[in-house]
Protein backbone atom coordinates (compact mmCIF):
# COMPACT_ATOMS: atom_id res chain seq x y z
CA MET A 1 -27.59 161.76 -57.77
CA ALA A 2 -30.71 163.78 -58.69
CA ARG A 3 -33.06 164.14 -61.65
CA VAL A 4 -32.91 167.75 -62.87
CA VAL A 5 -34.98 169.47 -65.55
CA VAL A 6 -33.22 172.48 -67.08
CA ALA A 7 -35.38 174.93 -69.06
CA GLU A 8 -33.40 177.80 -70.58
CA ASP A 9 -33.96 179.61 -73.88
CA ASN A 10 -30.33 180.76 -74.18
CA ASN A 11 -28.78 177.76 -75.98
CA SER A 12 -25.20 178.35 -74.80
CA LEU A 13 -26.32 178.64 -71.18
CA LEU A 14 -28.54 175.57 -71.62
CA ARG A 15 -25.60 173.52 -72.91
CA MET A 16 -23.36 174.76 -70.09
CA LEU A 17 -25.97 173.89 -67.44
CA ASP A 18 -26.53 170.46 -69.00
CA ASN A 19 -22.78 169.71 -69.19
CA VAL A 20 -21.99 170.92 -65.67
CA LEU A 21 -24.89 169.15 -63.98
CA THR A 22 -24.22 165.92 -65.89
CA ALA A 23 -20.52 166.12 -64.99
CA VAL A 24 -21.32 166.28 -61.26
CA GLY A 25 -23.55 163.21 -61.56
CA HIS A 26 -27.10 164.47 -62.09
CA GLU A 27 -29.52 163.03 -64.64
CA VAL A 28 -30.43 166.06 -66.76
CA ILE A 29 -33.39 166.74 -69.03
CA ALA A 30 -32.43 169.91 -70.91
CA SER A 31 -34.81 171.90 -73.09
CA ASP A 32 -34.74 175.31 -74.73
CA GLU A 33 -38.53 175.46 -74.47
CA ALA A 34 -40.33 175.33 -71.14
CA ILE A 35 -43.32 173.49 -72.55
CA ASP A 36 -41.10 170.76 -74.02
CA GLY A 37 -39.23 170.43 -70.72
CA ALA A 38 -42.50 169.94 -68.87
CA GLY A 39 -43.72 167.33 -71.35
CA ARG A 40 -40.52 165.25 -71.24
CA ALA A 41 -40.48 165.01 -67.47
CA GLY A 42 -42.48 161.84 -66.79
CA LYS A 43 -40.39 160.32 -63.97
CA PRO A 44 -40.05 162.04 -60.57
CA ILE A 45 -38.12 165.30 -60.72
CA ASP A 46 -35.90 166.41 -57.86
CA LEU A 47 -35.13 169.92 -59.11
CA LEU A 48 -36.18 172.33 -61.84
CA CYS A 49 -33.60 174.88 -62.96
CA ALA A 50 -35.37 177.39 -65.19
CA ASN A 51 -35.02 180.86 -66.60
CA VAL A 52 -37.56 183.25 -65.09
CA ALA A 53 -38.55 184.72 -68.46
CA MET A 54 -38.71 182.39 -71.47
CA MET A 55 -40.65 182.42 -74.71
CA GLY A 56 -44.01 180.74 -74.31
CA MET A 57 -43.99 180.17 -70.55
CA SER A 58 -42.18 181.68 -67.58
CA GLY A 59 -40.06 179.54 -65.31
CA ALA A 60 -42.49 180.20 -62.44
CA VAL A 61 -45.47 178.96 -64.49
CA LEU A 62 -43.50 175.89 -65.54
CA ALA A 63 -42.64 175.27 -61.88
CA ASP A 64 -46.30 175.53 -60.88
CA ARG A 65 -47.29 173.03 -63.57
CA LEU A 66 -44.56 170.55 -62.72
CA ARG A 67 -45.11 170.77 -58.95
CA VAL A 68 -48.66 169.48 -59.46
CA ARG A 69 -47.14 166.15 -60.55
CA HIS A 70 -43.91 166.48 -58.56
CA PRO A 71 -44.76 168.22 -55.25
CA GLN A 72 -41.35 167.38 -53.73
CA MET A 73 -39.52 169.15 -56.58
CA LYS A 74 -37.19 172.04 -55.70
CA VAL A 75 -37.19 175.08 -57.99
CA LEU A 76 -34.15 177.18 -58.87
CA LEU A 77 -35.16 180.16 -60.99
CA ILE A 78 -32.42 181.99 -62.86
CA ASN A 79 -32.88 185.65 -63.62
CA PRO A 80 -30.65 188.34 -65.12
CA GLU A 81 -31.83 190.83 -62.50
CA GLU A 82 -32.35 189.11 -59.15
CA SER A 83 -34.00 192.17 -57.60
CA ARG A 84 -36.82 192.36 -60.17
CA TYR A 85 -38.61 189.31 -58.73
CA ALA A 86 -39.38 188.33 -55.18
CA ILE A 87 -40.10 185.07 -53.46
CA VAL A 88 -43.32 185.78 -51.62
CA ASP A 89 -44.50 184.10 -48.43
CA ARG A 90 -41.22 182.22 -48.09
CA PRO A 91 -41.66 180.67 -44.65
CA ASP A 92 -38.08 179.51 -44.01
CA PRO A 93 -34.69 178.92 -45.64
CA ASN A 94 -35.79 175.41 -46.64
CA SER A 95 -38.33 176.77 -49.12
CA ALA A 96 -38.72 174.75 -52.31
CA TYR A 97 -38.15 177.94 -54.36
CA CYS A 98 -34.91 179.85 -54.80
CA LEU A 99 -33.86 182.68 -57.11
CA MET A 100 -30.33 183.01 -58.50
CA GLY A 101 -29.26 186.12 -60.38
CA LYS A 102 -26.94 186.10 -63.37
CA PRO A 103 -24.01 186.18 -63.63
CA PHE A 104 -22.94 183.23 -61.50
CA THR A 105 -20.03 180.83 -61.55
CA VAL A 106 -20.26 177.11 -62.15
CA PHE A 107 -19.15 176.59 -58.55
CA GLN A 108 -21.93 178.84 -57.22
CA LEU A 109 -24.51 176.99 -59.31
CA VAL A 110 -23.40 173.54 -58.18
CA ALA A 111 -23.21 174.68 -54.54
CA LYS A 112 -26.72 176.19 -54.68
CA ILE A 113 -28.20 173.07 -56.27
CA ASP A 114 -26.46 170.81 -53.73
CA GLU A 115 -27.73 173.01 -50.89
CA MET A 116 -31.29 172.91 -52.25
CA LEU A 117 -31.26 169.14 -52.77
CA ARG A 118 -30.04 168.58 -49.19
CA SER A 119 -32.71 170.81 -47.65
CA VAL A 120 -36.15 169.69 -46.55
CA SER A 121 -38.86 171.52 -48.48
CA SER A 122 -41.50 173.61 -46.81
CA PRO A 123 -44.60 174.79 -48.63
CA ALA A 124 -43.83 177.97 -50.52
CA ALA A 125 -45.54 180.35 -52.86
CA ALA A 126 -44.21 180.80 -56.36
CA PRO A 127 -42.17 183.83 -57.36
CA VAL A 128 -44.19 186.72 -58.70
CA ALA A 129 -43.31 189.73 -60.77
CA PRO A 130 -43.80 193.05 -59.01
CA SER A 131 -46.94 195.02 -59.87
């Protein structure tokens, strides 16, 4: 189906995301370090699923770095508190960026990723932390 990079510093959540996305047919590159995930992603990436706040690099910074080489890549950022971050200048529902707050079910995750992969990306600004 799709090539997905998962960057999550919570090892149990990382394993769950890897197992679920592999089970539904995606090729998954899973890493508990954002920098490692970025370095291992040489082929085209369809979607990045990353924690907003990780050690070493935020999910938004990782997304910015990867989108330089993979401009078509969709970005699903996972955050424990959805309301703490905003997607700025999001022009339409087909934005390449999406934020998903924890907790979520496996079904919600798979549905959100499927929805994002089916949509046509529009240019979008990266998520930013509030001032």
